[in-house]
Amino acid sequence: MSGQEKIVAELLRGLKHERDELKLQMHLAKKEIQDELQTLDDQLDALNHRYQPLRQAVAESTDDVWESLKLVGNEIRTGFAKIRNSL
């Protein structure tokens, strides 16, 4: 094997190794993003569940409840944006 062939073979070996590392990192990141999305999904379900019985109370104390709902909703939206930006 000539010197140039060795250089090319080493380059290819290094690139394949780097590719494999990136694939692993992407797989791990994907799992982390899936976990984060599941957490946000659970929070959204909990928010919806808490909101249902509060519909009557919302009419009575609109400002406080509305601000709380907006805060939690914005936190969930920010989490979705974070996940979207990670993809």
PDB file of N, CA and C in Angstrom:
ATOM      1  N   MET A   1       0.859  -1.169   0.000  1.00  0.00           N
ATOM      2  CA  MET A   1       0.000   0.000   0.000  1.00  0.00           C
ATOM      3  C   MET A   1       0.907   1.234   0.000  1.00  0.00           C
ATOM      4  N   SER A   2       0.600   2.152  -0.900  1.00  0.00           N
ATOM      5  CA  SER A   2       1.421   3.353  -1.010  1.00  0.00           C
ATOM      6  C   SER A   2       1.099   4.324   0.117  1.00  0.00           C
ATOM      7  N   GLY A   3       1.937   5.333   0.239  1.00  0.00           N
ATOM      8  CA  GLY A   3       1.730   6.345   1.273  1.00  0.00           C
ATOM      9  C   GLY A   3       0.411   7.074   1.097  1.00  0.00           C
ATOM     10  N   GLN A   4       0.053   7.358  -0.156  1.00  0.00           N
ATOM     11  CA  GLN A   4      -1.215   8.041  -0.425  1.00  0.00           C
ATOM     12  C   GLN A   4      -2.404   7.153  -0.078  1.00  0.00           C
ATOM     13  N   GLU A   5      -2.295   5.873  -0.383  1.00  0.00           N
ATOM     14  CA  GLU A   5      -3.381   4.943  -0.054  1.00  0.00           C
ATOM     15  C   GLU A   5      -3.571   4.850   1.453  1.00  0.00           C
ATOM     16  N   LYS A   6      -2.468   4.849   2.193  1.00  0.00           N
ATOM     17  CA  LYS A   6      -2.547   4.811   3.655  1.00  0.00           C
ATOM     18  C   LYS A   6      -3.227   6.068   4.179  1.00  0.00           C
ATOM     19  N   ILE A   7      -2.877   7.212   3.614  1.00  0.00           N
ATOM     20  CA  ILE A   7      -3.479   8.481   4.055  1.00  0.00           C
ATOM     21  C   ILE A   7      -4.983   8.462   3.796  1.00  0.00           C
ATOM     22  N   VAL A   8      -5.370   8.008   2.603  1.00  0.00           N
ATOM     23  CA  VAL A   8      -6.796   7.946   2.262  1.00  0.00           C
ATOM     24  C   VAL A   8      -7.518   6.953   3.170  1.00  0.00           C
ATOM     25  N   ALA A   9      -6.908   5.786   3.388  1.00  0.00           N
ATOM     26  CA  ALA A   9      -7.531   4.779   4.259  1.00  0.00           C
ATOM     27  C   ALA A   9      -7.700   5.323   5.673  1.00  0.00           C
ATOM     28  N   GLU A  10      -6.687   6.025   6.178  1.00  0.00           N
ATOM     29  CA  GLU A  10      -6.777   6.606   7.517  1.00  0.00           C
ATOM     30  C   GLU A  10      -7.839   7.703   7.569  1.00  0.00           C
ATOM     31  N   LEU A  11      -7.907   8.507   6.523  1.00  0.00           N
ATOM     32  CA  LEU A  11      -8.936   9.550   6.448  1.00  0.00           C
ATOM     33  C   LEU A  11     -10.324   8.928   6.482  1.00  0.00           C
ATOM     34  N   LEU A  12     -10.526   7.885   5.674  1.00  0.00           N
ATOM     35  CA  LEU A  12     -11.834   7.220   5.651  1.00  0.00           C
ATOM     36  C   LEU A  12     -12.166   6.596   6.996  1.00  0.00           C
ATOM     37  N   ARG A  13     -11.191   5.970   7.626  1.00  0.00           N
ATOM     38  CA  ARG A  13     -11.404   5.358   8.935  1.00  0.00           C
ATOM     39  C   ARG A  13     -11.795   6.426   9.962  1.00  0.00           C
ATOM     40  N   GLY A  14     -11.102   7.556   9.923  1.00  0.00           N
ATOM     41  CA  GLY A  14     -11.418   8.647  10.858  1.00  0.00           C
ATOM     42  C   GLY A  14     -12.799   9.227  10.620  1.00  0.00           C
ATOM     43  N   LEU A  15     -13.150   9.394   9.335  1.00  0.00           N
ATOM     44  CA  LEU A  15     -14.478   9.927   9.014  1.00  0.00           C
ATOM     45  C   LEU A  15     -15.586   8.974   9.430  1.00  0.00           C
ATOM     46  N   LYS A  16     -15.373   7.688   9.235  1.00  0.00           N
ATOM     47  CA  LYS A  16     -16.370   6.702   9.654  1.00  0.00           C
ATOM     48  C   LYS A  16     -16.529   6.705  11.169  1.00  0.00           C
ATOM     49  N   HIS A  17     -15.428   6.841  11.874  1.00  0.00           N
ATOM     50  CA  HIS A  17     -15.483   6.895  13.339  1.00  0.00           C
ATOM     51  C   HIS A  17     -16.255   8.141  13.786  1.00  0.00           C
ATOM     52  N   GLU A  18     -15.962   9.262  13.165  1.00  0.00           N
ATOM     53  CA  GLU A  18     -16.664  10.507  13.513  1.00  0.00           C
ATOM     54  C   GLU A  18     -18.155  10.388  13.202  1.00  0.00           C
ATOM     55  N   ARG A  19     -18.483   9.779  12.056  1.00  0.00           N
ATOM     56  CA  ARG A  19     -19.883   9.561  11.695  1.00  0.00           C
ATOM     57  C   ARG A  19     -20.587   8.720  12.740  1.00  0.00           C
ATOM     58  N   ASP A  20     -19.935   7.639  13.174  1.00  0.00           N
ATOM     59  CA  ASP A  20     -20.537   6.750  14.168  1.00  0.00           C
ATOM     60  C   ASP A  20     -20.761   7.471  15.499  1.00  0.00           C
ATOM     61  N   GLU A  21     -19.814   8.301  15.892  1.00  0.00           N
ATOM     62  CA  GLU A  21     -19.975   9.081  17.121  1.00  0.00           C
ATOM     63  C   GLU A  21     -21.151  10.041  17.001  1.00  0.00           C
ATOM     64  N   LEU A  22     -21.277  10.707  15.849  1.00  0.00           N
ATOM     65  CA  LEU A  22     -22.387  11.632  15.642  1.00  0.00           C
ATOM     66  C   LEU A  22     -23.729  10.909  15.646  1.00  0.00           C
ATOM     67  N   LYS A  23     -23.768   9.728  15.053  1.00  0.00           N
ATOM     68  CA  LYS A  23     -25.009   8.943  15.072  1.00  0.00           C
ATOM     69  C   LYS A  23     -25.417   8.611  16.506  1.00  0.00           C
ATOM     70  N   LEU A  24     -24.442   8.231  17.323  1.00  0.00           N
ATOM     71  CA  LEU A  24     -24.723   7.908  18.717  1.00  0.00           C
ATOM     72  C   LEU A  24     -25.212   9.140  19.470  1.00  0.00           C
ATOM     73  N   GLN A  25     -24.545  10.267  19.266  1.00  0.00           N
ATOM     74  CA  GLN A  25     -24.956  11.502  19.933  1.00  0.00           C
ATOM     75  C   GLN A  25     -26.360  11.907  19.500  1.00  0.00           C
ATOM     76  N   MET A  26     -26.672  11.746  18.209  1.00  0.00           N
ATOM     77  CA  MET A  26     -28.015  12.071  17.724  1.00  0.00           C
ATOM     78  C   MET A  26     -29.057  11.159  18.358  1.00  0.00           C
ATOM     79  N   HIS A  27     -28.724   9.885  18.495  1.00  0.00           N
ATOM     80  CA  HIS A  27     -29.659   8.937  19.106  1.00  0.00           C
ATOM     81  C   HIS A  27     -29.934   9.331  20.560  1.00  0.00           C
ATOM     82  N   LEU A  28     -28.872   9.663  21.285  1.00  0.00           N
ATOM     83  CA  LEU A  28     -29.034  10.045  22.686  1.00  0.00           C
ATOM     84  C   LEU A  28     -29.798  11.354  22.802  1.00  0.00           C
ATOM     85  N   ALA A  29     -29.505  12.305  21.910  1.00  0.00           N
ATOM     86  CA  ALA A  29     -30.218  13.582  21.931  1.00  0.00           C
ATOM     87  C   ALA A  29     -31.691  13.374  21.600  1.00  0.00           C
ATOM     88  N   LYS A  30     -31.958  12.478  20.658  1.00  0.00           N
ATOM     89  CA  LYS A  30     -33.343  12.187  20.289  1.00  0.00           C
ATOM     90  C   LYS A  30     -34.105  11.651  21.491  1.00  0.00           C
ATOM     91  N   LYS A  31     -33.491  10.755  22.244  1.00  0.00           N
ATOM     92  CA  LYS A  31     -34.145  10.194  23.429  1.00  0.00           C
ATOM     93  C   LYS A  31     -34.394  11.298  24.462  1.00  0.00           C
ATOM     94  N   GLU A  32     -33.404  12.167  24.635  1.00  0.00           N
ATOM     95  CA  GLU A  32     -33.549  13.267  25.596  1.00  0.00           C
ATOM     96  C   GLU A  32     -34.685  14.196  25.170  1.00  0.00           C
ATOM     97  N   ILE A  33     -34.769  14.484  23.886  1.00  0.00           N
ATOM     98  CA  ILE A  33     -35.838  15.349  23.372  1.00  0.00           C
ATOM     99  C   ILE A  33     -37.191  14.664  23.535  1.00  0.00           C
ATOM    100  N   GLN A  34     -37.252  13.358  23.273  1.00  0.00           N
ATOM    101  CA  GLN A  34     -38.505  12.626  23.456  1.00  0.00           C
ATOM    102  C   GLN A  34     -38.953  12.679  24.907  1.00  0.00           C
ATOM    103  N   ASP A  35     -38.014  12.521  25.824  1.00  0.00           N
ATOM    104  CA  ASP A  35     -38.346  12.587  27.248  1.00  0.00           C
ATOM    105  C   ASP A  35     -38.859  13.975  27.619  1.00  0.00           C
ATOM    106  N   GLU A  36     -38.204  15.002  27.085  1.00  0.00           N
ATOM    107  CA  GLU A  36     -38.623  16.369  27.384  1.00  0.00           C
ATOM    108  C   GLU A  36     -40.009  16.641  26.805  1.00  0.00           C
ATOM    109  N   LEU A  37     -40.265  16.148  25.583  1.00  0.00           N
ATOM    110  CA  LEU A  37     -41.579  16.316  24.982  1.00  0.00           C
ATOM    111  C   LEU A  37     -42.643  15.599  25.798  1.00  0.00           C
ATOM    112  N   GLN A  38     -42.333  14.413  26.301  1.00  0.00           N
ATOM    113  CA  GLN A  38     -43.296  13.678  27.124  1.00  0.00           C
ATOM    114  C   GLN A  38     -43.615  14.452  28.403  1.00  0.00           C
ATOM    115  N   THR A  39     -42.599  15.046  29.018  1.00  0.00           N
ATOM    116  CA  THR A  39     -42.813  15.855  30.223  1.00  0.00           C
ATOM    117  C   THR A  39     -43.737  17.018  29.913  1.00  0.00           C
ATOM    118  N   LEU A  40     -43.482  17.699  28.794  1.00  0.00           N
ATOM    119  CA  LEU A  40     -44.336  18.829  28.414  1.00  0.00           C
ATOM    120  C   LEU A  40     -45.743  18.365  28.083  1.00  0.00           C
ATOM    121  N   ASP A  41     -45.859  17.216  27.440  1.00  0.00           N
ATOM    122  CA  ASP A  41     -47.170  16.660  27.124  1.00  0.00           C
ATOM    123  C   ASP A  41     -47.943  16.358  28.403  1.00  0.00           C
ATOM    124  N   ASP A  42     -47.258  15.803  29.387  1.00  0.00           N
ATOM    125  CA  ASP A  42     -47.892  15.527  30.682  1.00  0.00           C
ATOM    126  C   ASP A  42     -48.339  16.822  31.351  1.00  0.00           C
ATOM    127  N   GLN A  43     -47.503  17.854  31.261  1.00  0.00           N
ATOM    128  CA  GLN A  43     -47.869  19.151  31.848  1.00  0.00           C
ATOM    129  C   GLN A  43     -49.088  19.739  31.145  1.00  0.00           C
ATOM    130  N   LEU A  44     -49.135  19.601  29.823  1.00  0.00           N
ATOM    131  CA  LEU A  44     -50.278  20.105  29.066  1.00  0.00           C
ATOM    132  C   LEU A  44     -51.547  19.367  29.466  1.00  0.00           C
ATOM    133  N   ASP A  45     -51.464  18.048  29.600  1.00  0.00           N
ATOM    134  CA  ASP A  45     -52.627  17.270  30.039  1.00  0.00           C
ATOM    135  C   ASP A  45     -53.077  17.690  31.444  1.00  0.00           C
ATOM    136  N   ALA A  46     -52.108  17.899  32.336  1.00  0.00           N
ATOM    137  CA  ALA A  46     -52.437  18.317  33.704  1.00  0.00           C
ATOM    138  C   ALA A  46     -53.088  19.692  33.696  1.00  0.00           C
ATOM    139  N   LEU A  47     -52.562  20.593  32.876  1.00  0.00           N
ATOM    140  CA  LEU A  47     -53.143  21.934  32.773  1.00  0.00           C
ATOM    141  C   LEU A  47     -54.577  21.848  32.276  1.00  0.00           C
ATOM    142  N   ASN A  48     -54.810  21.043  31.269  1.00  0.00           N
ATOM    143  CA  ASN A  48     -56.155  20.886  30.736  1.00  0.00           C
ATOM    144  C   ASN A  48     -57.080  20.272  31.783  1.00  0.00           C
ATOM    145  N   HIS A  49     -56.584  19.286  32.510  1.00  0.00           N
ATOM    146  CA  HIS A  49     -57.379  18.631  33.549  1.00  0.00           C
ATOM    147  C   HIS A  49     -57.732  19.613  34.674  1.00  0.00           C
ATOM    148  N   ARG A  50     -56.773  20.443  35.062  1.00  0.00           N
ATOM    149  CA  ARG A  50     -57.032  21.430  36.117  1.00  0.00           C
ATOM    150  C   ARG A  50     -57.966  22.529  35.648  1.00  0.00           C
ATOM    151  N   TYR A  51     -57.912  22.850  34.367  1.00  0.00           N
ATOM    152  CA  TYR A  51     -58.733  23.934  33.847  1.00  0.00           C
ATOM    153  C   TYR A  51     -60.218  23.568  33.826  1.00  0.00           C
ATOM    154  N   GLN A  52     -60.532  22.325  33.516  1.00  0.00           N
ATOM    155  CA  GLN A  52     -61.931  21.930  33.359  1.00  0.00           C
ATOM    156  C   GLN A  52     -62.799  22.296  34.570  1.00  0.00           C
ATOM    157  N   PRO A  53     -62.432  21.927  35.780  1.00  0.00           N
ATOM    158  CA  PRO A  53     -63.292  22.298  36.913  1.00  0.00           C
ATOM    159  C   PRO A  53     -63.209  23.781  37.277  1.00  0.00           C
ATOM    160  N   LEU A  54     -62.236  24.466  36.736  1.00  0.00           N
ATOM    161  CA  LEU A  54     -62.078  25.874  37.084  1.00  0.00           C
ATOM    162  C   LEU A  54     -62.840  26.822  36.162  1.00  0.00           C
ATOM    163  N   ARG A  55     -63.529  26.295  35.186  1.00  0.00           N
ATOM    164  CA  ARG A  55     -64.224  27.184  34.252  1.00  0.00           C
ATOM    165  C   ARG A  55     -65.178  28.135  34.964  1.00  0.00           C
ATOM    166  N   GLN A  56     -65.894  27.648  35.961  1.00  0.00           N
ATOM    167  CA  GLN A  56     -66.817  28.526  36.706  1.00  0.00           C
ATOM    168  C   GLN A  56     -66.031  29.517  37.546  1.00  0.00           C
ATOM    169  N   ALA A  57     -64.945  29.043  38.170  1.00  0.00           N
ATOM    170  CA  ALA A  57     -64.135  29.926  38.998  1.00  0.00           C
ATOM    171  C   ALA A  57     -63.457  31.001  38.159  1.00  0.00           C
ATOM    172  N   VAL A  58     -63.175  30.680  36.916  1.00  0.00           N
ATOM    173  CA  VAL A  58     -62.533  31.655  36.034  1.00  0.00           C
ATOM    174  C   VAL A  58     -63.418  32.880  35.879  1.00  0.00           C
ATOM    175  N   ALA A  59     -64.696  32.645  35.773  1.00  0.00           N
ATOM    176  CA  ALA A  59     -65.621  33.770  35.624  1.00  0.00           C
ATOM    177  C   ALA A  59     -65.604  34.657  36.865  1.00  0.00           C
ATOM    178  N   GLU A  60     -65.370  34.067  38.034  1.00  0.00           N
ATOM    179  CA  GLU A  60     -65.378  34.827  39.279  1.00  0.00           C
ATOM    180  C   GLU A  60     -64.036  35.498  39.567  1.00  0.00           C
ATOM    181  N   SER A  61     -62.973  34.830  39.260  1.00  0.00           N
ATOM    182  CA  SER A  61     -61.651  35.400  39.542  1.00  0.00           C
ATOM    183  C   SER A  61     -60.787  35.370  38.282  1.00  0.00           C
ATOM    184  N   THR A  62     -61.284  35.970  37.260  1.00  0.00           N
ATOM    185  CA  THR A  62     -60.691  35.896  35.932  1.00  0.00           C
ATOM    186  C   THR A  62     -59.227  36.296  35.900  1.00  0.00           C
ATOM    187  N   ASP A  63     -58.879  37.392  36.491  1.00  0.00           N
ATOM    188  CA  ASP A  63     -57.510  37.901  36.363  1.00  0.00           C
ATOM    189  C   ASP A  63     -56.468  36.940  36.926  1.00  0.00           C
ATOM    190  N   ASP A  64     -56.651  36.470  38.138  1.00  0.00           N
ATOM    191  CA  ASP A  64     -55.669  35.584  38.761  1.00  0.00           C
ATOM    192  C   ASP A  64     -55.541  34.255  38.028  1.00  0.00           C
ATOM    193  N   VAL A  65     -56.654  33.660  37.734  1.00  0.00           N
ATOM    194  CA  VAL A  65     -56.635  32.362  37.059  1.00  0.00           C
ATOM    195  C   VAL A  65     -56.079  32.516  35.644  1.00  0.00           C
ATOM    196  N   TRP A  66     -56.498  33.559  34.956  1.00  0.00           N
ATOM    197  CA  TRP A  66     -56.025  33.787  33.595  1.00  0.00           C
ATOM    198  C   TRP A  66     -54.507  33.972  33.564  1.00  0.00           C
ATOM    199  N   GLU A  67     -53.974  34.753  34.493  1.00  0.00           N
ATOM    200  CA  GLU A  67     -52.526  34.967  34.544  1.00  0.00           C
ATOM    201  C   GLU A  67     -51.784  33.655  34.831  1.00  0.00           C
ATOM    202  N   SER A  68     -52.328  32.843  35.715  1.00  0.00           N
ATOM    203  CA  SER A  68     -51.711  31.550  36.019  1.00  0.00           C
ATOM    204  C   SER A  68     -51.727  30.635  34.801  1.00  0.00           C
ATOM    205  N   LEU A  69     -52.850  30.581  34.118  1.00  0.00           N
ATOM    206  CA  LEU A  69     -52.953  29.745  32.929  1.00  0.00           C
ATOM    207  C   LEU A  69     -51.998  30.224  31.832  1.00  0.00           C
ATOM    208  N   LYS A  70     -51.909  31.542  31.671  1.00  0.00           N
ATOM    209  CA  LYS A  70     -50.995  32.076  30.660  1.00  0.00           C
ATOM    210  C   LYS A  70     -49.548  31.737  31.001  1.00  0.00           C
ATOM    211  N   LEU A  71     -49.200  31.822  32.271  1.00  0.00           N
ATOM    212  CA  LEU A  71     -47.834  31.522  32.694  1.00  0.00           C
ATOM    213  C   LEU A  71     -47.468  30.076  32.389  1.00  0.00           C
ATOM    214  N   VAL A  72     -48.326  29.155  32.788  1.00  0.00           N
ATOM    215  CA  VAL A  72     -48.054  27.737  32.526  1.00  0.00           C
ATOM    216  C   VAL A  72     -48.072  27.463  31.021  1.00  0.00           C
ATOM    217  N   GLY A  73     -49.025  28.051  30.322  1.00  0.00           N
ATOM    218  CA  GLY A  73     -49.100  27.874  28.869  1.00  0.00           C
ATOM    219  C   GLY A  73     -47.848  28.376  28.173  1.00  0.00           C
ATOM    220  N   ASN A  74     -47.351  29.527  28.611  1.00  0.00           N
ATOM    221  CA  ASN A  74     -46.128  30.070  28.020  1.00  0.00           C
ATOM    222  C   ASN A  74     -44.918  29.205  28.335  1.00  0.00           C
ATOM    223  N   GLU A  75     -44.869  28.624  29.527  1.00  0.00           N
ATOM    224  CA  GLU A  75     -43.766  27.725  29.870  1.00  0.00           C
ATOM    225  C   GLU A  75     -43.779  26.499  28.967  1.00  0.00           C
ATOM    226  N   ILE A  76     -44.958  25.972  28.701  1.00  0.00           N
ATOM    227  CA  ILE A  76     -45.077  24.813  27.812  1.00  0.00           C
ATOM    228  C   ILE A  76     -44.680  25.212  26.395  1.00  0.00           C
ATOM    229  N   ARG A  77     -45.154  26.356  25.925  1.00  0.00           N
ATOM    230  CA  ARG A  77     -44.816  26.833  24.583  1.00  0.00           C
ATOM    231  C   ARG A  77     -43.301  27.027  24.451  1.00  0.00           C
ATOM    232  N   THR A  78     -42.664  27.576  25.484  1.00  0.00           N
ATOM    233  CA  THR A  78     -41.211  27.760  25.466  1.00  0.00           C
ATOM    234  C   THR A  78     -40.501  26.412  25.395  1.00  0.00           C
ATOM    235  N   GLY A  79     -41.003  25.437  26.117  1.00  0.00           N
ATOM    236  CA  GLY A  79     -40.429  24.094  26.064  1.00  0.00           C
ATOM    237  C   GLY A  79     -40.561  23.484  24.683  1.00  0.00           C
ATOM    238  N   PHE A  80     -41.729  23.664  24.035  1.00  0.00           N
ATOM    239  CA  PHE A  80     -41.918  23.164  22.666  1.00  0.00           C
ATOM    240  C   PHE A  80     -40.922  23.842  21.730  1.00  0.00           C
ATOM    241  N   ALA A  81     -40.740  25.144  21.880  1.00  0.00           N
ATOM    242  CA  ALA A  81     -39.807  25.881  21.019  1.00  0.00           C
ATOM    243  C   ALA A  81     -38.379  25.380  21.229  1.00  0.00           C
ATOM    244  N   LYS A  82     -38.031  25.086  22.464  1.00  0.00           N
ATOM    245  CA  LYS A  82     -36.706  24.564  22.763  1.00  0.00           C
ATOM    246  C   LYS A  82     -36.479  23.234  22.058  1.00  0.00           C
ATOM    247  N   ILE A  83     -37.490  22.374  22.100  1.00  0.00           N
ATOM    248  CA  ILE A  83     -37.385  21.092  21.423  1.00  0.00           C
ATOM    249  C   ILE A  83     -37.292  21.300  19.912  1.00  0.00           C
ATOM    250  N   ARG A  84     -38.140  22.180  19.368  1.00  0.00           N
ATOM    251  CA  ARG A  84     -38.118  22.445  17.937  1.00  0.00           C
ATOM    252  C   ARG A  84     -36.753  22.948  17.496  1.00  0.00           C
ATOM    253  N   ASN A  85     -36.148  23.809  18.300  1.00  0.00           N
ATOM    254  CA  ASN A  85     -34.837  24.355  17.964  1.00  0.00           C
ATOM    255  C   ASN A  85     -33.732  23.313  18.101  1.00  0.00           C
ATOM    256  N   SER A  86     -33.971  22.280  18.899  1.00  0.00           N
ATOM    257  CA  SER A  86     -32.984  21.222  19.073  1.00  0.00           C
ATOM    258  C   SER A  86     -32.966  20.260  17.890  1.00  0.00           C
ATOM    259  N   LEU A  87     -34.052  20.246  17.145  1.00  0.00           N
ATOM    260  CA  LEU A  87     -34.153  19.292  16.022  1.00  0.00           C
ATOM    261  C   LEU A  87     -33.401  19.766  14.818  1.00  0.00           C
TER     262      LEU A  87
END
